[in-house]
Amino acid sequence: LLSGRLADGAFDAFTFAGNTNTPLLFTVQAGSGLSIYFDIRDARNQSLFNSYYYNSGTRQYVFTPKEDGIYTVYLWGRSGPAGYTITNEYIAGPPSERNITRGLSVNTLLSGRLA
């Protein structure tokens, strides 16, 4: 969980490591009166995914990298000032935990997420 404060025209940037075909869920919560432009860029600074939303609230975005690498999320304030939070999580688990066959015993509850 990261948080900050944005004014109109200001931005914050965060880097993350992405793995090929491993979907990530980003959850962005904007404070009252804050509109945000959400942008993910690769190491070549090419925009790969972006979205704009108005007037605060919570939005979720799924991003699936096409290759291993370092990516940057930009949050641009388009109104404000107001606070925000951002989180990201694997949707289907990290690569080391995906596509594994596991035993299932009787009367055992297992849970997970599929992308």
N, C-alpha and C. Protein backbone atom coordinates (compact mmCIF):
# COMPACT_ATOMS: atom_id res chain seq x y z
N LEU A 1 0.86 -1.18 0.00
CA LEU A 1 0.00 0.00 0.00
C LEU A 1 0.89 1.23 0.00
N LEU A 2 0.69 2.07 -0.99
CA LEU A 2 1.39 3.35 -1.05
C LEU A 2 0.35 4.45 -1.05
N SER A 3 0.70 5.58 -0.53
CA SER A 3 -0.25 6.69 -0.52
C SER A 3 0.49 8.00 -0.77
N GLY A 4 -0.27 9.00 -1.14
CA GLY A 4 0.31 10.31 -1.41
C GLY A 4 -0.78 11.32 -1.60
N ARG A 5 -0.38 12.46 -2.11
CA ARG A 5 -1.30 13.56 -2.34
C ARG A 5 -0.96 14.18 -3.68
N LEU A 6 -1.99 14.41 -4.50
CA LEU A 6 -1.79 14.99 -5.83
C LEU A 6 -2.60 16.26 -5.99
N ALA A 7 -2.02 17.21 -6.70
CA ALA A 7 -2.72 18.41 -7.11
C ALA A 7 -2.87 18.36 -8.63
N ASP A 8 -3.65 19.24 -9.17
CA ASP A 8 -3.84 19.31 -10.61
C ASP A 8 -2.49 19.51 -11.31
N GLY A 9 -2.16 18.61 -12.24
CA GLY A 9 -0.91 18.71 -13.00
C GLY A 9 0.28 18.01 -12.36
N ALA A 10 0.15 17.58 -11.11
CA ALA A 10 1.25 16.88 -10.43
C ALA A 10 1.16 15.38 -10.70
N PHE A 11 2.29 14.67 -10.53
CA PHE A 11 2.25 13.22 -10.69
C PHE A 11 3.18 12.56 -9.69
N ASP A 12 2.89 11.30 -9.41
CA ASP A 12 3.77 10.41 -8.66
C ASP A 12 4.02 9.20 -9.55
N ALA A 13 5.20 8.60 -9.39
CA ALA A 13 5.56 7.44 -10.20
C ALA A 13 6.12 6.35 -9.29
N PHE A 14 5.78 5.10 -9.61
CA PHE A 14 6.21 3.94 -8.84
C PHE A 14 6.66 2.86 -9.81
N THR A 15 7.76 2.19 -9.53
CA THR A 15 8.22 1.10 -10.39
C THR A 15 7.86 -0.24 -9.77
N PHE A 16 7.71 -1.24 -10.65
CA PHE A 16 7.46 -2.61 -10.20
C PHE A 16 8.03 -3.57 -11.22
N ALA A 17 8.36 -4.77 -10.76
CA ALA A 17 8.86 -5.82 -11.66
C ALA A 17 7.66 -6.61 -12.16
N GLY A 18 7.58 -6.74 -13.47
CA GLY A 18 6.51 -7.52 -14.08
C GLY A 18 7.06 -8.81 -14.68
N ASN A 19 6.28 -9.87 -14.60
CA ASN A 19 6.65 -11.16 -15.18
C ASN A 19 5.75 -11.47 -16.36
N THR A 20 6.30 -12.08 -17.38
CA THR A 20 5.57 -12.42 -18.59
C THR A 20 4.27 -13.16 -18.25
N ASN A 21 3.17 -12.65 -18.80
CA ASN A 21 1.84 -13.27 -18.67
C ASN A 21 1.39 -13.51 -17.24
N THR A 22 1.86 -12.70 -16.31
CA THR A 22 1.45 -12.78 -14.91
C THR A 22 0.60 -11.55 -14.59
N PRO A 23 -0.72 -11.68 -14.57
CA PRO A 23 -1.58 -10.52 -14.38
C PRO A 23 -1.48 -9.93 -12.97
N LEU A 24 -1.51 -8.61 -12.94
CA LEU A 24 -1.50 -7.85 -11.69
C LEU A 24 -2.77 -7.02 -11.59
N LEU A 25 -3.29 -6.92 -10.39
CA LEU A 25 -4.45 -6.09 -10.13
C LEU A 25 -3.99 -4.85 -9.37
N PHE A 26 -4.25 -3.68 -9.94
CA PHE A 26 -3.96 -2.41 -9.28
C PHE A 26 -5.26 -1.83 -8.77
N THR A 27 -5.27 -1.41 -7.52
CA THR A 27 -6.43 -0.76 -6.93
C THR A 27 -6.02 0.65 -6.53
N VAL A 28 -6.71 1.64 -7.09
CA VAL A 28 -6.40 3.04 -6.82
C VAL A 28 -7.63 3.68 -6.18
N GLN A 29 -7.41 4.31 -5.05
CA GLN A 29 -8.49 5.03 -4.38
C GLN A 29 -8.11 6.50 -4.32
N ALA A 30 -8.96 7.34 -4.90
CA ALA A 30 -8.72 8.78 -4.93
C ALA A 30 -9.62 9.47 -3.94
N GLY A 31 -9.06 10.44 -3.24
CA GLY A 31 -9.83 11.21 -2.27
C GLY A 31 -10.84 12.13 -2.92
N SER A 32 -11.69 12.70 -2.12
CA SER A 32 -12.77 13.56 -2.59
C SER A 32 -12.24 14.69 -3.47
N GLY A 33 -12.81 14.80 -4.66
CA GLY A 33 -12.45 15.88 -5.58
C GLY A 33 -11.24 15.62 -6.43
N LEU A 34 -10.64 14.43 -6.34
CA LEU A 34 -9.43 14.14 -7.12
C LEU A 34 -9.78 13.27 -8.32
N SER A 35 -9.39 13.72 -9.50
CA SER A 35 -9.47 12.92 -10.72
C SER A 35 -8.05 12.48 -11.07
N ILE A 36 -7.90 11.25 -11.52
CA ILE A 36 -6.57 10.68 -11.77
C ILE A 36 -6.47 10.10 -13.17
N TYR A 37 -5.32 10.32 -13.79
CA TYR A 37 -4.95 9.65 -15.02
C TYR A 37 -3.93 8.58 -14.63
N PHE A 38 -4.27 7.31 -14.89
CA PHE A 38 -3.46 6.15 -14.51
C PHE A 38 -2.75 5.67 -15.76
N ASP A 39 -1.41 5.51 -15.70
CA ASP A 39 -0.64 5.15 -16.88
C ASP A 39 0.48 4.18 -16.50
N ILE A 40 0.58 3.04 -17.23
CA ILE A 40 1.68 2.09 -17.03
C ILE A 40 2.59 2.17 -18.25
N ARG A 41 3.90 2.33 -17.99
CA ARG A 41 4.88 2.45 -19.07
C ARG A 41 5.98 1.41 -18.89
N ASP A 42 6.54 0.99 -20.02
CA ASP A 42 7.64 0.02 -19.98
C ASP A 42 8.98 0.75 -19.85
N ALA A 43 10.07 -0.01 -19.88
CA ALA A 43 11.41 0.57 -19.71
C ALA A 43 11.78 1.52 -20.85
N ARG A 44 11.09 1.39 -22.00
CA ARG A 44 11.33 2.29 -23.14
C ARG A 44 10.43 3.53 -23.06
N ASN A 45 9.70 3.67 -21.97
CA ASN A 45 8.78 4.78 -21.71
C ASN A 45 7.58 4.77 -22.65
N GLN A 46 7.22 3.61 -23.17
CA GLN A 46 6.03 3.49 -24.00
C GLN A 46 4.83 3.19 -23.11
N SER A 47 3.75 3.92 -23.33
CA SER A 47 2.53 3.68 -22.56
C SER A 47 1.89 2.38 -23.02
N LEU A 48 1.66 1.47 -22.08
CA LEU A 48 1.08 0.17 -22.38
C LEU A 48 -0.37 0.05 -21.94
N PHE A 49 -0.75 0.84 -20.96
CA PHE A 49 -2.12 0.82 -20.43
C PHE A 49 -2.38 2.16 -19.77
N ASN A 50 -3.55 2.75 -20.03
CA ASN A 50 -3.90 3.98 -19.33
C ASN A 50 -5.40 4.12 -19.21
N SER A 51 -5.80 4.89 -18.23
CA SER A 51 -7.22 5.13 -17.98
C SER A 51 -7.35 6.44 -17.20
N TYR A 52 -8.45 7.12 -17.44
CA TYR A 52 -8.72 8.38 -16.75
C TYR A 52 -10.04 8.25 -16.02
N TYR A 53 -10.09 8.68 -14.78
CA TYR A 53 -11.38 8.69 -14.09
C TYR A 53 -11.55 9.95 -13.28
N TYR A 54 -12.81 10.32 -13.13
CA TYR A 54 -13.20 11.58 -12.53
C TYR A 54 -13.69 11.41 -11.10
N ASN A 55 -13.47 12.46 -10.33
CA ASN A 55 -14.19 12.70 -9.08
C ASN A 55 -14.12 11.60 -8.04
N SER A 56 -12.94 11.26 -7.67
CA SER A 56 -12.67 10.38 -6.54
C SER A 56 -13.24 8.98 -6.72
N GLY A 57 -13.12 8.18 -5.66
CA GLY A 57 -13.63 6.81 -5.68
C GLY A 57 -12.51 5.80 -5.87
N THR A 58 -12.91 4.54 -6.00
CA THR A 58 -11.97 3.43 -6.14
C THR A 58 -12.11 2.81 -7.51
N ARG A 59 -10.98 2.56 -8.16
CA ARG A 59 -10.96 1.90 -9.46
C ARG A 59 -9.96 0.76 -9.42
N GLN A 60 -10.24 -0.28 -10.19
CA GLN A 60 -9.31 -1.41 -10.29
C GLN A 60 -8.92 -1.62 -11.75
N TYR A 61 -7.65 -1.93 -11.96
CA TYR A 61 -7.11 -2.13 -13.29
C TYR A 61 -6.31 -3.42 -13.30
N VAL A 62 -6.49 -4.23 -14.35
CA VAL A 62 -5.70 -5.44 -14.53
C VAL A 62 -4.68 -5.17 -15.64
N PHE A 63 -3.43 -5.48 -15.35
CA PHE A 63 -2.36 -5.32 -16.32
C PHE A 63 -1.58 -6.63 -16.39
N THR A 64 -1.38 -7.15 -17.60
CA THR A 64 -0.63 -8.38 -17.82
C THR A 64 0.59 -8.07 -18.68
N PRO A 65 1.78 -8.06 -18.09
CA PRO A 65 2.99 -7.78 -18.88
C PRO A 65 3.21 -8.83 -19.96
N LYS A 66 3.64 -8.39 -21.12
CA LYS A 66 3.95 -9.29 -22.23
C LYS A 66 5.37 -9.83 -22.14
N GLU A 67 6.20 -9.21 -21.27
CA GLU A 67 7.57 -9.66 -21.10
C GLU A 67 8.05 -9.31 -19.70
N ASP A 68 9.07 -10.03 -19.22
CA ASP A 68 9.69 -9.70 -17.94
C ASP A 68 10.33 -8.32 -18.04
N GLY A 69 10.23 -7.55 -16.98
CA GLY A 69 10.87 -6.24 -17.01
C GLY A 69 10.43 -5.36 -15.87
N ILE A 70 10.99 -4.16 -15.87
CA ILE A 70 10.64 -3.14 -14.89
C ILE A 70 9.67 -2.18 -15.56
N TYR A 71 8.56 -1.93 -14.89
CA TYR A 71 7.51 -1.06 -15.40
C TYR A 71 7.30 0.08 -14.42
N THR A 72 6.71 1.16 -14.91
CA THR A 72 6.44 2.33 -14.08
C THR A 72 4.96 2.68 -14.16
N VAL A 73 4.35 2.87 -12.99
CA VAL A 73 2.98 3.37 -12.90
C VAL A 73 3.06 4.86 -12.62
N TYR A 74 2.37 5.64 -13.43
CA TYR A 74 2.24 7.07 -13.20
C TYR A 74 0.81 7.37 -12.78
N LEU A 75 0.67 8.17 -11.75
CA LEU A 75 -0.62 8.71 -11.33
C LEU A 75 -0.54 10.22 -11.52
N TRP A 76 -1.34 10.74 -12.43
CA TRP A 76 -1.36 12.17 -12.74
C TRP A 76 -2.61 12.79 -12.13
N GLY A 77 -2.43 13.84 -11.34
CA GLY A 77 -3.57 14.57 -10.80
C GLY A 77 -4.20 15.43 -11.87
N ARG A 78 -5.51 15.35 -12.02
CA ARG A 78 -6.22 16.17 -13.00
C ARG A 78 -7.20 17.12 -12.32
N SER A 79 -7.18 17.13 -11.03
CA SER A 79 -7.93 18.08 -10.21
C SER A 79 -7.35 17.92 -8.82
N GLY A 80 -7.99 18.42 -7.83
CA GLY A 80 -7.46 18.25 -6.49
C GLY A 80 -7.09 19.59 -5.88
N PRO A 81 -6.29 19.59 -4.86
CA PRO A 81 -5.49 18.49 -4.32
C PRO A 81 -6.32 17.56 -3.42
N ALA A 82 -5.87 16.32 -3.38
CA ALA A 82 -6.47 15.33 -2.49
C ALA A 82 -5.54 14.13 -2.39
N GLY A 83 -5.79 13.28 -1.41
CA GLY A 83 -4.95 12.12 -1.19
C GLY A 83 -5.39 10.93 -2.04
N TYR A 84 -4.50 9.94 -2.12
CA TYR A 84 -4.80 8.71 -2.85
C TYR A 84 -4.05 7.55 -2.19
N THR A 85 -4.49 6.34 -2.48
CA THR A 85 -3.74 5.13 -2.14
C THR A 85 -3.70 4.25 -3.38
N ILE A 86 -2.65 3.44 -3.48
CA ILE A 86 -2.54 2.49 -4.57
C ILE A 86 -1.95 1.18 -4.02
N THR A 87 -2.51 0.06 -4.46
CA THR A 87 -1.98 -1.25 -4.12
C THR A 87 -1.90 -2.08 -5.40
N ASN A 88 -1.06 -3.09 -5.38
CA ASN A 88 -1.05 -4.05 -6.48
C ASN A 88 -0.84 -5.44 -5.90
N GLU A 89 -1.39 -6.43 -6.61
CA GLU A 89 -1.28 -7.81 -6.16
C GLU A 89 -1.36 -8.73 -7.36
N TYR A 90 -0.76 -9.89 -7.22
CA TYR A 90 -0.90 -10.90 -8.25
C TYR A 90 -2.34 -11.39 -8.28
N ILE A 91 -2.88 -11.62 -9.46
CA ILE A 91 -4.21 -12.19 -9.57
C ILE A 91 -4.13 -13.70 -9.49
N ALA A 92 -3.15 -14.27 -10.16
CA ALA A 92 -3.05 -15.74 -10.24
C ALA A 92 -1.82 -16.26 -9.50
N GLY A 93 -1.25 -15.46 -8.63
CA GLY A 93 -0.05 -15.88 -7.92
C GLY A 93 1.20 -15.66 -8.76
N PRO A 94 2.35 -15.60 -8.11
CA PRO A 94 3.59 -15.43 -8.84
C PRO A 94 3.86 -16.66 -9.71
N PRO A 95 4.70 -16.53 -10.74
CA PRO A 95 4.96 -17.63 -11.66
C PRO A 95 5.34 -18.93 -10.97
N SER A 96 6.07 -18.85 -9.87
CA SER A 96 6.52 -20.06 -9.18
C SER A 96 5.37 -20.83 -8.54
N GLU A 97 4.20 -20.19 -8.39
CA GLU A 97 3.07 -20.83 -7.74
C GLU A 97 1.93 -21.17 -8.70
N ARG A 98 2.09 -20.89 -9.99
CA ARG A 98 1.02 -21.14 -10.95
C ARG A 98 1.21 -22.48 -11.65
N ASN A 99 0.10 -23.02 -12.12
CA ASN A 99 0.10 -24.26 -12.90
C ASN A 99 0.76 -25.41 -12.18
N ILE A 100 0.49 -25.51 -10.89
CA ILE A 100 1.02 -26.60 -10.08
C ILE A 100 -0.13 -27.55 -9.75
N THR A 101 0.10 -28.83 -9.92
CA THR A 101 -0.90 -29.83 -9.55
C THR A 101 -0.69 -30.19 -8.09
N ARG A 102 -1.76 -30.08 -7.32
CA ARG A 102 -1.69 -30.37 -5.89
C ARG A 102 -2.70 -31.44 -5.54
N GLY A 103 -2.40 -32.20 -4.52
CA GLY A 103 -3.33 -33.21 -4.04
C GLY A 103 -4.48 -32.57 -3.29
N LEU A 104 -5.65 -33.18 -3.38
CA LEU A 104 -6.82 -32.69 -2.67
C LEU A 104 -7.37 -33.81 -1.81
N SER A 105 -7.27 -33.66 -0.51
CA SER A 105 -7.78 -34.67 0.42
C SER A 105 -9.27 -34.45 0.67
N VAL A 106 -9.94 -35.49 1.09
CA VAL A 106 -11.35 -35.39 1.44
C VAL A 106 -11.51 -34.44 2.61
N ASN A 107 -12.58 -33.65 2.59
CA ASN A 107 -12.90 -32.69 3.65
C ASN A 107 -11.83 -31.61 3.80
N THR A 108 -11.21 -31.24 2.70
CA THR A 108 -10.20 -30.17 2.71
C THR A 108 -10.71 -29.02 1.85
N LEU A 109 -10.61 -27.81 2.36
CA LEU A 109 -11.02 -26.63 1.63
C LEU A 109 -9.78 -25.93 1.08
N LEU A 110 -9.76 -25.69 -0.22
CA LEU A 110 -8.69 -24.93 -0.86
C LEU A 110 -9.31 -23.72 -1.52
N SER A 111 -8.57 -22.64 -1.61
CA SER A 111 -9.09 -21.45 -2.29
C SER A 111 -7.95 -20.82 -3.08
N GLY A 112 -8.31 -19.98 -4.02
CA GLY A 112 -7.33 -19.27 -4.83
C GLY A 112 -8.03 -18.37 -5.81
N ARG A 113 -7.25 -17.80 -6.73
CA ARG A 113 -7.79 -16.90 -7.74
C ARG A 113 -7.29 -17.33 -9.09
N LEU A 114 -8.14 -17.27 -10.09
CA LEU A 114 -7.77 -17.60 -11.46
C LEU A 114 -7.86 -16.35 -12.32
N ALA A 115 -6.93 -16.24 -13.22
CA ALA A 115 -6.97 -15.11 -14.14
C ALA A 115 -7.61 -15.52 -15.45
